[in-house]
Amino acid sequence: MDMFLIACVLIAGLALTAPRRPRLAQLTFLIVAAFILSNKVYSPQYVLWLVPLLALARPNWRDFLLWQAAEALHWTATWMYLGQTSSGGAAQNNIDMPYYVMAVMLHMAATAYLMLRVAWDIWEPHLDPLRVQGVDDPHGGVFNGPRIGSG
């Protein structure tokens, strides 16, 4: 079975079993991050999809800056490795395969860490940075605010 499909099923399970309805930005971030991590093709520019979603899903500077440091290292390693493979130059002027693989693994681990943090906010809504301030879902549109029943 496809890894993206498995991730979507897990995200749906998390959303349906959460003690409080997840925010729209949280679910969107998890789905897009799952797509990026499970896609067969990866472009370093894909990280741009996650920046605004993370700002909405988990507005926390520490997590954002740690993730961006890992992404900057991954971006640098990607282009240095591509430079080495396309030019046939010596590794001393570029980056060798083990370091490139390490940067890719760091990128994946940092993105997975953010997914875990967002999932934890869904599972423990009293720790959610926005809900701590008494906000339900500022991006939820008609789903903002707890509405139970037909009223």
N, C-alpha and C. Protein backbone atom coordinates (compact mmCIF):
# COMPACT_ATOMS: atom_id res chain seq x y z
N MET A 1 0.84 -1.18 0.00
CA MET A 1 0.00 0.00 0.00
C MET A 1 0.89 1.25 0.00
N ASP A 2 0.42 2.29 -0.60
CA ASP A 2 1.16 3.54 -0.72
C ASP A 2 1.33 4.20 0.65
N MET A 3 2.53 4.72 0.90
CA MET A 3 2.82 5.36 2.20
C MET A 3 1.95 6.60 2.43
N PHE A 4 1.68 7.35 1.38
CA PHE A 4 0.84 8.54 1.53
C PHE A 4 -0.58 8.15 1.95
N LEU A 5 -1.10 7.09 1.37
CA LEU A 5 -2.43 6.62 1.75
C LEU A 5 -2.46 6.18 3.22
N ILE A 6 -1.43 5.47 3.64
CA ILE A 6 -1.34 5.05 5.05
C ILE A 6 -1.29 6.27 5.96
N ALA A 7 -0.49 7.26 5.57
CA ALA A 7 -0.39 8.48 6.39
C ALA A 7 -1.73 9.20 6.46
N CYS A 8 -2.46 9.26 5.35
CA CYS A 8 -3.77 9.92 5.35
C CYS A 8 -4.76 9.17 6.24
N VAL A 9 -4.71 7.85 6.22
CA VAL A 9 -5.58 7.06 7.09
C VAL A 9 -5.23 7.33 8.56
N LEU A 10 -3.94 7.42 8.88
CA LEU A 10 -3.53 7.72 10.25
C LEU A 10 -3.96 9.13 10.67
N ILE A 11 -3.83 10.09 9.76
CA ILE A 11 -4.26 11.46 10.05
C ILE A 11 -5.76 11.51 10.27
N ALA A 12 -6.52 10.79 9.44
CA ALA A 12 -7.98 10.74 9.62
C ALA A 12 -8.33 10.09 10.96
N GLY A 13 -7.62 9.03 11.31
CA GLY A 13 -7.85 8.39 12.60
C GLY A 13 -7.57 9.33 13.76
N LEU A 14 -6.48 10.08 13.65
CA LEU A 14 -6.15 11.06 14.68
C LEU A 14 -7.24 12.12 14.78
N ALA A 15 -7.70 12.61 13.64
CA ALA A 15 -8.73 13.66 13.63
C ALA A 15 -10.05 13.16 14.22
N LEU A 16 -10.40 11.92 13.92
CA LEU A 16 -11.68 11.39 14.39
C LEU A 16 -11.67 10.97 15.86
N THR A 17 -10.49 10.66 16.38
CA THR A 17 -10.41 10.23 17.78
C THR A 17 -9.89 11.30 18.71
N ALA A 18 -9.58 12.47 18.18
CA ALA A 18 -9.05 13.57 19.00
C ALA A 18 -10.11 14.02 20.02
N PRO A 19 -9.67 14.44 21.19
CA PRO A 19 -10.63 14.89 22.20
C PRO A 19 -11.38 16.16 21.80
N ARG A 20 -10.82 16.94 20.89
CA ARG A 20 -11.46 18.16 20.40
C ARG A 20 -11.20 18.26 18.90
N ARG A 21 -12.14 18.81 18.17
CA ARG A 21 -12.00 18.91 16.72
C ARG A 21 -10.70 19.62 16.36
N PRO A 22 -9.85 18.99 15.52
CA PRO A 22 -8.60 19.64 15.13
C PRO A 22 -8.84 20.89 14.31
N ARG A 23 -7.87 21.80 14.35
CA ARG A 23 -7.96 23.00 13.52
C ARG A 23 -7.64 22.63 12.07
N LEU A 24 -8.23 23.37 11.15
CA LEU A 24 -8.05 23.13 9.72
C LEU A 24 -6.57 23.20 9.32
N ALA A 25 -5.86 24.18 9.84
CA ALA A 25 -4.44 24.35 9.49
C ALA A 25 -3.61 23.15 9.95
N GLN A 26 -3.97 22.57 11.09
CA GLN A 26 -3.23 21.41 11.59
C GLN A 26 -3.38 20.22 10.64
N LEU A 27 -4.60 19.95 10.23
CA LEU A 27 -4.83 18.82 9.33
C LEU A 27 -4.20 19.06 7.97
N THR A 28 -4.29 20.28 7.47
CA THR A 28 -3.68 20.60 6.18
C THR A 28 -2.16 20.43 6.24
N PHE A 29 -1.55 20.92 7.31
CA PHE A 29 -0.10 20.76 7.46
C PHE A 29 0.28 19.28 7.46
N LEU A 30 -0.44 18.47 8.21
CA LEU A 30 -0.11 17.04 8.30
C LEU A 30 -0.24 16.35 6.95
N ILE A 31 -1.26 16.68 6.20
CA ILE A 31 -1.47 16.04 4.89
C ILE A 31 -0.38 16.45 3.90
N VAL A 32 -0.06 17.73 3.84
CA VAL A 32 0.97 18.19 2.90
C VAL A 32 2.35 17.66 3.31
N ALA A 33 2.65 17.65 4.60
CA ALA A 33 3.93 17.10 5.05
C ALA A 33 4.02 15.61 4.75
N ALA A 34 2.93 14.89 4.92
CA ALA A 34 2.93 13.45 4.59
C ALA A 34 3.18 13.25 3.10
N PHE A 35 2.57 14.10 2.28
CA PHE A 35 2.80 14.02 0.84
C PHE A 35 4.27 14.26 0.50
N ILE A 36 4.85 15.27 1.12
CA ILE A 36 6.25 15.61 0.84
C ILE A 36 7.18 14.48 1.26
N LEU A 37 6.93 13.90 2.42
CA LEU A 37 7.81 12.83 2.90
C LEU A 37 7.64 11.52 2.14
N SER A 38 6.46 11.28 1.59
CA SER A 38 6.22 9.99 0.94
C SER A 38 6.29 10.05 -0.58
N ASN A 39 6.42 11.24 -1.15
CA ASN A 39 6.45 11.39 -2.59
C ASN A 39 7.71 10.76 -3.17
N LYS A 40 7.60 10.18 -4.35
CA LYS A 40 8.75 9.54 -4.98
C LYS A 40 9.75 10.56 -5.51
N VAL A 41 9.26 11.75 -5.82
CA VAL A 41 10.10 12.82 -6.34
C VAL A 41 10.11 13.93 -5.30
N TYR A 42 11.28 14.49 -5.04
CA TYR A 42 11.36 15.59 -4.08
C TYR A 42 12.12 16.74 -4.70
N SER A 43 11.57 17.91 -4.57
CA SER A 43 12.24 19.13 -5.00
C SER A 43 12.47 19.97 -3.75
N PRO A 44 13.63 20.55 -3.57
CA PRO A 44 13.87 21.37 -2.37
C PRO A 44 12.87 22.51 -2.21
N GLN A 45 12.23 22.92 -3.29
CA GLN A 45 11.27 24.00 -3.21
C GLN A 45 9.96 23.56 -2.54
N TYR A 46 9.74 22.26 -2.39
CA TYR A 46 8.52 21.77 -1.74
C TYR A 46 8.39 22.29 -0.32
N VAL A 47 9.50 22.62 0.31
CA VAL A 47 9.45 23.12 1.68
C VAL A 47 8.66 24.43 1.75
N LEU A 48 8.60 25.16 0.65
CA LEU A 48 7.85 26.41 0.64
C LEU A 48 6.36 26.17 0.86
N TRP A 49 5.86 25.01 0.52
CA TRP A 49 4.46 24.69 0.78
C TRP A 49 4.19 24.63 2.28
N LEU A 50 5.18 24.19 3.03
CA LEU A 50 4.97 23.96 4.46
C LEU A 50 5.15 25.20 5.32
N VAL A 51 5.89 26.18 4.85
CA VAL A 51 6.17 27.36 5.67
C VAL A 51 4.89 28.06 6.14
N PRO A 52 3.98 28.46 5.24
CA PRO A 52 2.77 29.12 5.75
C PRO A 52 1.87 28.18 6.55
N LEU A 53 1.86 26.91 6.16
CA LEU A 53 1.02 25.96 6.89
C LEU A 53 1.52 25.74 8.31
N LEU A 54 2.84 25.70 8.49
CA LEU A 54 3.38 25.55 9.84
C LEU A 54 3.11 26.80 10.66
N ALA A 55 3.21 27.96 10.04
CA ALA A 55 2.92 29.20 10.77
C ALA A 55 1.48 29.23 11.27
N LEU A 56 0.58 28.62 10.54
CA LEU A 56 -0.82 28.57 10.96
C LEU A 56 -1.10 27.40 11.90
N ALA A 57 -0.43 26.27 11.67
CA ALA A 57 -0.71 25.07 12.46
C ALA A 57 -0.03 25.09 13.82
N ARG A 58 1.20 25.57 13.87
CA ARG A 58 1.97 25.57 15.13
C ARG A 58 2.86 26.80 15.17
N PRO A 59 2.30 27.94 15.57
CA PRO A 59 3.10 29.17 15.62
C PRO A 59 4.08 29.15 16.80
N ASN A 60 5.24 28.57 16.56
CA ASN A 60 6.26 28.44 17.59
C ASN A 60 7.61 28.70 16.94
N TRP A 61 8.29 29.75 17.35
CA TRP A 61 9.56 30.14 16.71
C TRP A 61 10.65 29.10 16.87
N ARG A 62 10.76 28.48 18.03
CA ARG A 62 11.84 27.51 18.26
C ARG A 62 11.74 26.35 17.28
N ASP A 63 10.55 25.76 17.17
CA ASP A 63 10.37 24.65 16.25
C ASP A 63 10.60 25.08 14.81
N PHE A 64 10.10 26.26 14.45
CA PHE A 64 10.27 26.76 13.09
C PHE A 64 11.75 26.96 12.76
N LEU A 65 12.50 27.59 13.66
CA LEU A 65 13.91 27.87 13.37
C LEU A 65 14.76 26.61 13.33
N LEU A 66 14.47 25.63 14.19
CA LEU A 66 15.19 24.36 14.12
C LEU A 66 14.91 23.65 12.80
N TRP A 67 13.66 23.66 12.39
CA TRP A 67 13.28 23.03 11.13
C TRP A 67 13.96 23.74 9.96
N GLN A 68 13.98 25.07 9.98
CA GLN A 68 14.59 25.82 8.89
C GLN A 68 16.10 25.61 8.83
N ALA A 69 16.74 25.43 9.98
CA ALA A 69 18.18 25.12 9.97
C ALA A 69 18.42 23.78 9.28
N ALA A 70 17.59 22.80 9.59
CA ALA A 70 17.72 21.50 8.92
C ALA A 70 17.43 21.63 7.44
N GLU A 71 16.45 22.43 7.07
CA GLU A 71 16.11 22.62 5.66
C GLU A 71 17.22 23.36 4.91
N ALA A 72 17.84 24.32 5.55
CA ALA A 72 18.95 25.05 4.90
C ALA A 72 20.12 24.11 4.65
N LEU A 73 20.41 23.24 5.62
CA LEU A 73 21.47 22.26 5.43
C LEU A 73 21.11 21.30 4.30
N HIS A 74 19.87 20.86 4.27
CA HIS A 74 19.42 19.95 3.22
C HIS A 74 19.50 20.62 1.84
N TRP A 75 19.07 21.87 1.75
CA TRP A 75 19.12 22.59 0.49
C TRP A 75 20.57 22.70 -0.01
N THR A 76 21.46 23.08 0.89
CA THR A 76 22.87 23.21 0.53
C THR A 76 23.46 21.88 0.08
N ALA A 77 23.17 20.83 0.86
CA ALA A 77 23.69 19.50 0.53
C ALA A 77 23.15 19.01 -0.82
N THR A 78 21.89 19.29 -1.10
CA THR A 78 21.30 18.85 -2.37
C THR A 78 22.04 19.47 -3.55
N TRP A 79 22.24 20.77 -3.50
CA TRP A 79 22.87 21.42 -4.64
C TRP A 79 24.36 21.12 -4.72
N MET A 80 25.01 20.92 -3.59
CA MET A 80 26.42 20.53 -3.63
C MET A 80 26.58 19.12 -4.18
N TYR A 81 25.68 18.23 -3.81
CA TYR A 81 25.74 16.86 -4.33
C TYR A 81 25.44 16.84 -5.83
N LEU A 82 24.42 17.60 -6.26
CA LEU A 82 24.12 17.66 -7.69
C LEU A 82 25.28 18.27 -8.47
N GLY A 83 25.95 19.25 -7.87
CA GLY A 83 27.13 19.83 -8.51
C GLY A 83 28.24 18.82 -8.66
N GLN A 84 28.43 18.01 -7.66
CA GLN A 84 29.48 16.99 -7.70
C GLN A 84 29.14 15.91 -8.73
N THR A 85 27.89 15.47 -8.79
CA THR A 85 27.55 14.40 -9.73
C THR A 85 27.51 14.89 -11.17
N SER A 86 27.09 16.13 -11.37
CA SER A 86 27.00 16.62 -12.75
C SER A 86 28.34 17.10 -13.30
N SER A 87 29.24 17.55 -12.43
CA SER A 87 30.53 18.04 -12.91
C SER A 87 31.61 16.97 -12.91
N GLY A 88 31.38 15.92 -12.13
CA GLY A 88 32.41 14.89 -12.01
C GLY A 88 33.61 15.38 -11.25
N GLY A 89 33.45 16.50 -10.55
CA GLY A 89 34.55 17.09 -9.80
C GLY A 89 34.88 16.33 -8.53
N ALA A 90 35.96 16.73 -7.94
CA ALA A 90 36.39 16.08 -6.70
C ALA A 90 35.42 16.42 -5.57
N ALA A 91 35.26 15.49 -4.65
CA ALA A 91 34.34 15.69 -3.53
C ALA A 91 34.81 16.80 -2.60
N GLN A 92 36.09 17.13 -2.64
CA GLN A 92 36.59 18.18 -1.75
C GLN A 92 35.97 19.54 -2.07
N ASN A 93 35.51 19.73 -3.31
CA ASN A 93 34.87 20.98 -3.69
C ASN A 93 33.35 20.90 -3.66
N ASN A 94 32.83 19.73 -3.34
CA ASN A 94 31.39 19.52 -3.34
C ASN A 94 31.01 18.75 -2.08
N ILE A 95 30.13 17.78 -2.20
CA ILE A 95 29.74 16.97 -1.05
C ILE A 95 29.64 15.53 -1.51
N ASP A 96 30.04 14.64 -0.66
CA ASP A 96 30.04 13.22 -0.97
C ASP A 96 28.71 12.58 -0.58
N MET A 97 28.44 11.41 -1.11
CA MET A 97 27.16 10.72 -0.90
C MET A 97 26.79 10.52 0.57
N PRO A 98 27.67 10.09 1.46
CA PRO A 98 27.25 9.89 2.85
C PRO A 98 26.74 11.16 3.53
N TYR A 99 27.35 12.28 3.22
CA TYR A 99 26.91 13.55 3.81
C TYR A 99 25.58 14.01 3.22
N TYR A 100 25.40 13.74 1.94
CA TYR A 100 24.13 14.07 1.30
C TYR A 100 23.01 13.23 1.92
N VAL A 101 23.25 11.95 2.08
CA VAL A 101 22.24 11.07 2.69
C VAL A 101 21.94 11.52 4.12
N MET A 102 22.96 11.92 4.86
CA MET A 102 22.74 12.41 6.21
C MET A 102 21.88 13.68 6.21
N ALA A 103 22.10 14.56 5.25
CA ALA A 103 21.28 15.78 5.16
C ALA A 103 19.84 15.46 4.80
N VAL A 104 19.64 14.48 3.92
CA VAL A 104 18.28 14.07 3.57
C VAL A 104 17.59 13.46 4.78
N MET A 105 18.29 12.64 5.53
CA MET A 105 17.71 12.03 6.72
C MET A 105 17.37 13.10 7.77
N LEU A 106 18.23 14.10 7.90
CA LEU A 106 17.95 15.19 8.83
C LEU A 106 16.71 15.96 8.39
N HIS A 107 16.58 16.23 7.11
CA HIS A 107 15.39 16.90 6.57
C HIS A 107 14.13 16.09 6.89
N MET A 108 14.18 14.80 6.65
CA MET A 108 13.02 13.95 6.91
C MET A 108 12.70 13.88 8.40
N ALA A 109 13.73 13.78 9.23
CA ALA A 109 13.50 13.72 10.68
C ALA A 109 12.92 15.03 11.20
N ALA A 110 13.40 16.16 10.69
CA ALA A 110 12.89 17.45 11.15
C ALA A 110 11.43 17.64 10.74
N THR A 111 11.08 17.23 9.54
CA THR A 111 9.69 17.33 9.10
C THR A 111 8.81 16.37 9.89
N ALA A 112 9.28 15.17 10.13
CA ALA A 112 8.52 14.21 10.93
C ALA A 112 8.35 14.71 12.37
N TYR A 113 9.38 15.37 12.90
CA TYR A 113 9.27 15.95 14.25
C TYR A 113 8.16 16.99 14.30
N LEU A 114 8.09 17.85 13.28
CA LEU A 114 7.02 18.86 13.24
C LEU A 114 5.65 18.19 13.13
N MET A 115 5.58 17.12 12.35
CA MET A 115 4.32 16.40 12.24
C MET A 115 3.91 15.84 13.61
N LEU A 116 4.87 15.32 14.34
CA LEU A 116 4.58 14.80 15.69
C LEU A 116 4.13 15.91 16.62
N ARG A 117 4.76 17.07 16.54
CA ARG A 117 4.37 18.21 17.38
C ARG A 117 2.95 18.66 17.08
N VAL A 118 2.61 18.73 15.80
CA VAL A 118 1.25 19.14 15.42
C VAL A 118 0.24 18.07 15.84
N ALA A 119 0.60 16.80 15.65
CA ALA A 119 -0.29 15.72 16.08
C ALA A 119 -0.48 15.74 17.59
N TRP A 120 0.58 16.06 18.32
CA TRP A 120 0.47 16.15 19.78
C TRP A 120 -0.45 17.29 20.19
N ASP A 121 -0.38 18.41 19.46
CA ASP A 121 -1.29 19.53 19.73
C ASP A 121 -2.74 19.13 19.47
N ILE A 122 -2.95 18.28 18.48
CA ILE A 122 -4.31 17.79 18.21
C ILE A 122 -4.76 16.87 19.33
N TRP A 123 -3.88 15.98 19.75
CA TRP A 123 -4.24 15.01 20.78
C TRP A 123 -4.38 15.65 22.16
N GLU A 124 -3.60 16.67 22.43
CA GLU A 124 -3.65 17.41 23.70
C GLU A 124 -3.99 18.87 23.42
N PRO A 125 -5.26 19.20 23.16
CA PRO A 125 -5.61 20.56 22.73
C PRO A 125 -5.30 21.64 23.76
N HIS A 126 -5.14 21.28 25.01
CA HIS A 126 -4.79 22.30 26.01
C HIS A 126 -3.34 22.76 25.87
N LEU A 127 -2.54 22.07 25.05
CA LEU A 127 -1.16 22.49 24.78
C LEU A 127 -1.02 23.22 23.44
N ASP A 128 -2.08 23.26 22.66
CA ASP A 128 -2.07 23.94 21.35
C ASP A 128 -1.81 25.43 21.56
N PRO A 129 -0.78 26.00 20.90
CA PRO A 129 -0.44 27.42 21.11
C PRO A 129 -1.60 28.39 20.87
N LEU A 130 -2.50 28.10 19.94
CA LEU A 130 -3.63 28.99 19.71
C LEU A 130 -4.77 28.75 20.69
N ARG A 131 -5.03 27.51 20.99
CA ARG A 131 -6.15 27.21 21.88
C ARG A 131 -5.84 27.58 23.32
N VAL A 132 -4.58 27.68 23.67
CA VAL A 132 -4.20 28.16 25.00
C VAL A 132 -4.70 29.58 25.20
N GLN A 133 -4.76 30.36 24.10
CA GLN A 133 -5.20 31.75 24.16
C GLN A 133 -6.72 31.87 24.06
N GLY A 134 -7.43 30.75 24.05
CA GLY A 134 -8.88 30.77 24.01
C GLY A 134 -9.48 30.85 22.61
N VAL A 135 -8.66 30.66 21.59
CA VAL A 135 -9.13 30.69 20.20
C VAL A 135 -9.47 29.26 19.79
N ASP A 136 -10.58 29.10 19.06
CA ASP A 136 -10.93 27.75 18.60
C ASP A 136 -10.23 27.42 17.29
N ASP A 137 -10.65 28.05 16.20
CA ASP A 137 -10.03 27.81 14.90
C ASP A 137 -10.20 29.06 14.04
N PRO A 138 -9.25 29.99 14.09
CA PRO A 138 -9.41 31.24 13.35
C PRO A 138 -9.47 31.05 11.84
N HIS A 139 -9.04 29.90 11.32
CA HIS A 139 -9.04 29.66 9.88
C HIS A 139 -10.11 28.65 9.50
N GLY A 140 -10.99 28.32 10.42
CA GLY A 140 -11.98 27.28 10.20
C GLY A 140 -13.24 27.73 9.49
N GLY A 141 -13.38 29.02 9.25
CA GLY A 141 -14.58 29.50 8.57
C GLY A 141 -15.84 29.17 9.34
N VAL A 142 -16.77 28.49 8.69
CA VAL A 142 -18.04 28.15 9.34
C VAL A 142 -17.85 27.11 10.44
N PHE A 143 -16.67 26.46 10.49
CA PHE A 143 -16.42 25.46 11.52
C PHE A 143 -15.77 26.06 12.77
N ASN A 144 -15.55 27.37 12.77
CA ASN A 144 -14.96 28.02 13.94
C ASN A 144 -15.98 28.03 15.08
N GLY A 145 -15.53 27.68 16.26
CA GLY A 145 -16.40 27.64 17.41
C GLY A 145 -17.08 26.30 17.56
N PRO A 146 -17.23 25.85 18.77
CA PRO A 146 -17.87 24.54 18.97
C PRO A 146 -19.38 24.65 18.76
N ARG A 147 -19.86 24.02 17.73
CA ARG A 147 -21.30 23.97 17.43
C ARG A 147 -21.73 22.51 17.50
N ILE A 148 -22.62 22.22 18.43
CA ILE A 148 -23.10 20.85 18.58
C ILE A 148 -24.59 20.85 18.30
N GLY A 149 -25.00 19.90 17.47
CA GLY A 149 -26.42 19.80 17.15
C GLY A 149 -26.82 20.82 16.09
N SER A 150 -28.11 20.84 15.77
CA SER A 150 -28.58 21.76 14.73
C SER A 150 -29.08 23.08 15.30
N GLY A 151 -29.02 23.25 16.59
CA GLY A 151 -29.19 24.53 17.19
C GLY A 151 -30.47 24.97 17.64
